């Protein structure tokens, strides 16, 4: 089966996350996920505000 570019990208992302978290304890992993989620939430908020400002 041919691996599409999207599948390759997902594989690279999963490998990177594994490498970043492989030696973490459960509480450290939870905090890692929370930090990443907050970062994404802030970026989405910023992009949403930018889009609204461009419309107005």
N, C-alpha and C. Protein backbone atom coordinates (compact mmCIF):
# COMPACT_ATOMS: atom_id res chain seq x y z
N UNK A 1 0.85 -1.19 0.00
CA UNK A 1 0.00 0.00 0.00
C UNK A 1 0.89 1.24 0.00
N UNK A 2 0.58 2.19 -0.88
CA UNK A 2 1.33 3.45 -0.94
C UNK A 2 0.93 4.34 0.22
N UNK A 3 1.92 4.94 0.82
CA UNK A 3 1.66 5.87 1.91
C UNK A 3 1.52 7.27 1.32
N UNK A 4 0.39 7.91 1.54
CA UNK A 4 0.18 9.25 1.02
C UNK A 4 1.01 10.25 1.81
N UNK A 5 1.14 11.45 1.28
CA UNK A 5 1.92 12.47 1.98
C UNK A 5 1.26 12.82 3.32
N UNK A 6 -0.06 12.79 3.38
CA UNK A 6 -0.75 13.06 4.65
C UNK A 6 -0.43 11.98 5.67
N UNK A 7 -0.41 10.73 5.23
CA UNK A 7 -0.10 9.63 6.14
C UNK A 7 1.34 9.73 6.63
N UNK A 8 2.25 10.12 5.73
CA UNK A 8 3.65 10.29 6.12
C UNK A 8 3.79 11.39 7.17
N UNK A 9 3.06 12.49 6.95
CA UNK A 9 3.11 13.61 7.90
C UNK A 9 2.58 13.17 9.27
N UNK A 10 1.46 12.45 9.28
CA UNK A 10 0.91 11.95 10.55
C UNK A 10 1.91 11.02 11.24
N UNK A 11 2.57 10.19 10.47
CA UNK A 11 3.57 9.27 11.04
C UNK A 11 4.71 10.07 11.68
N UNK A 12 5.18 11.10 10.99
CA UNK A 12 6.26 11.94 11.55
C UNK A 12 5.81 12.63 12.83
N UNK A 13 4.58 13.12 12.85
CA UNK A 13 4.05 13.79 14.04
C UNK A 13 3.97 12.81 15.21
N UNK A 14 3.45 11.62 14.94
CA UNK A 14 3.35 10.61 16.00
C UNK A 14 4.71 10.21 16.54
N UNK A 15 5.70 10.09 15.65
CA UNK A 15 7.06 9.76 16.09
C UNK A 15 7.63 10.88 16.96
N UNK A 16 7.40 12.14 16.54
CA UNK A 16 7.92 13.27 17.31
C UNK A 16 7.29 13.32 18.71
N UNK A 17 5.98 13.13 18.77
CA UNK A 17 5.30 13.13 20.07
C UNK A 17 5.81 11.98 20.94
N UNK A 18 5.99 10.82 20.33
CA UNK A 18 6.51 9.69 21.09
C UNK A 18 7.88 10.01 21.67
N UNK A 19 8.76 10.55 20.84
CA UNK A 19 10.11 10.88 21.30
C UNK A 19 10.09 11.92 22.42
N UNK A 20 9.19 12.89 22.32
CA UNK A 20 9.10 13.95 23.33
C UNK A 20 8.52 13.44 24.65
N UNK A 21 7.73 12.38 24.60
CA UNK A 21 7.00 11.96 25.79
C UNK A 21 7.37 10.56 26.31
N UNK A 22 8.26 9.86 25.65
CA UNK A 22 8.49 8.44 25.98
C UNK A 22 8.98 8.20 27.40
N UNK A 23 9.67 9.14 28.01
CA UNK A 23 10.20 8.93 29.36
C UNK A 23 9.41 9.68 30.43
N UNK A 24 8.25 10.17 30.07
CA UNK A 24 7.46 10.96 31.01
C UNK A 24 6.61 10.06 31.90
N UNK A 25 6.44 10.51 33.13
CA UNK A 25 5.47 9.89 34.02
C UNK A 25 4.08 10.37 33.62
N UNK A 26 3.06 9.70 34.12
CA UNK A 26 1.69 10.02 33.76
C UNK A 26 1.36 11.49 33.99
N UNK A 27 1.71 12.03 35.15
CA UNK A 27 1.41 13.43 35.45
C UNK A 27 2.14 14.38 34.50
N UNK A 28 3.36 14.04 34.13
CA UNK A 28 4.12 14.87 33.19
C UNK A 28 3.47 14.84 31.81
N UNK A 29 3.00 13.66 31.40
CA UNK A 29 2.33 13.53 30.11
C UNK A 29 1.03 14.35 30.08
N UNK A 30 0.28 14.29 31.16
CA UNK A 30 -0.96 15.08 31.24
C UNK A 30 -0.65 16.56 31.14
N UNK A 31 0.37 17.03 31.82
CA UNK A 31 0.76 18.44 31.75
C UNK A 31 1.24 18.81 30.35
N UNK A 32 1.99 17.93 29.72
CA UNK A 32 2.45 18.14 28.34
C UNK A 32 1.25 18.34 27.42
N UNK A 33 0.26 17.46 27.54
CA UNK A 33 -0.93 17.55 26.70
C UNK A 33 -1.70 18.84 26.99
N UNK A 34 -1.82 19.20 28.25
CA UNK A 34 -2.51 20.45 28.61
C UNK A 34 -1.81 21.67 28.01
N UNK A 35 -0.48 21.70 28.10
CA UNK A 35 0.28 22.83 27.53
C UNK A 35 0.08 22.93 26.02
N UNK A 36 0.15 21.79 25.36
CA UNK A 36 -0.05 21.79 23.89
C UNK A 36 -1.48 22.21 23.54
N UNK A 37 -2.46 21.74 24.29
CA UNK A 37 -3.85 22.11 24.04
C UNK A 37 -4.07 23.60 24.25
N UNK A 38 -3.48 24.16 25.30
CA UNK A 38 -3.61 25.59 25.55
C UNK A 38 -2.96 26.40 24.44
N UNK A 39 -1.83 25.93 23.96
CA UNK A 39 -1.14 26.61 22.86
C UNK A 39 -2.03 26.62 21.61
N UNK A 40 -2.62 25.49 21.30
CA UNK A 40 -3.52 25.40 20.13
C UNK A 40 -4.75 26.28 20.34
N UNK A 41 -5.31 26.26 21.55
CA UNK A 41 -6.49 27.07 21.85
C UNK A 41 -6.19 28.56 21.62
N UNK A 42 -5.03 29.01 22.09
CA UNK A 42 -4.65 30.42 21.92
C UNK A 42 -4.44 30.76 20.44
N UNK A 43 -3.83 29.85 19.71
CA UNK A 43 -3.60 30.08 18.28
C UNK A 43 -4.94 30.16 17.53
N UNK A 44 -5.86 29.26 17.86
CA UNK A 44 -7.19 29.29 17.23
C UNK A 44 -7.92 30.58 17.56
N UNK A 45 -7.81 31.05 18.80
CA UNK A 45 -8.44 32.30 19.21
C UNK A 45 -7.85 33.47 18.41
N UNK A 46 -6.53 33.47 18.27
CA UNK A 46 -5.86 34.53 17.52
C UNK A 46 -6.29 34.52 16.05
N UNK A 47 -6.36 33.35 15.46
CA UNK A 47 -6.77 33.25 14.06
C UNK A 47 -8.23 33.66 13.87
N UNK A 48 -9.08 33.28 14.83
CA UNK A 48 -10.49 33.65 14.77
C UNK A 48 -10.64 35.17 14.83
N UNK A 49 -9.92 35.80 15.76
CA UNK A 49 -9.98 37.26 15.90
C UNK A 49 -9.45 37.94 14.65
N UNK A 50 -8.41 37.40 14.07
CA UNK A 50 -7.84 37.95 12.84
C UNK A 50 -8.86 37.87 11.70
N UNK A 51 -9.54 36.74 11.58
CA UNK A 51 -10.54 36.55 10.53
C UNK A 51 -11.70 37.52 10.70
N UNK A 52 -12.15 37.70 11.92
CA UNK A 52 -13.26 38.62 12.20
C UNK A 52 -12.83 40.04 11.84
N UNK A 53 -11.62 40.43 12.20
CA UNK A 53 -11.13 41.77 11.88
C UNK A 53 -10.99 41.98 10.38
N UNK A 54 -10.62 40.94 9.64
CA UNK A 54 -10.50 41.07 8.19
C UNK A 54 -11.87 41.21 7.54
N UNK A 55 -12.89 40.59 8.12
CA UNK A 55 -14.24 40.69 7.58
C UNK A 55 -14.81 42.07 7.82
N UNK A 56 -14.54 42.63 8.99
CA UNK A 56 -15.08 43.95 9.35
C UNK A 56 -14.24 45.00 8.78
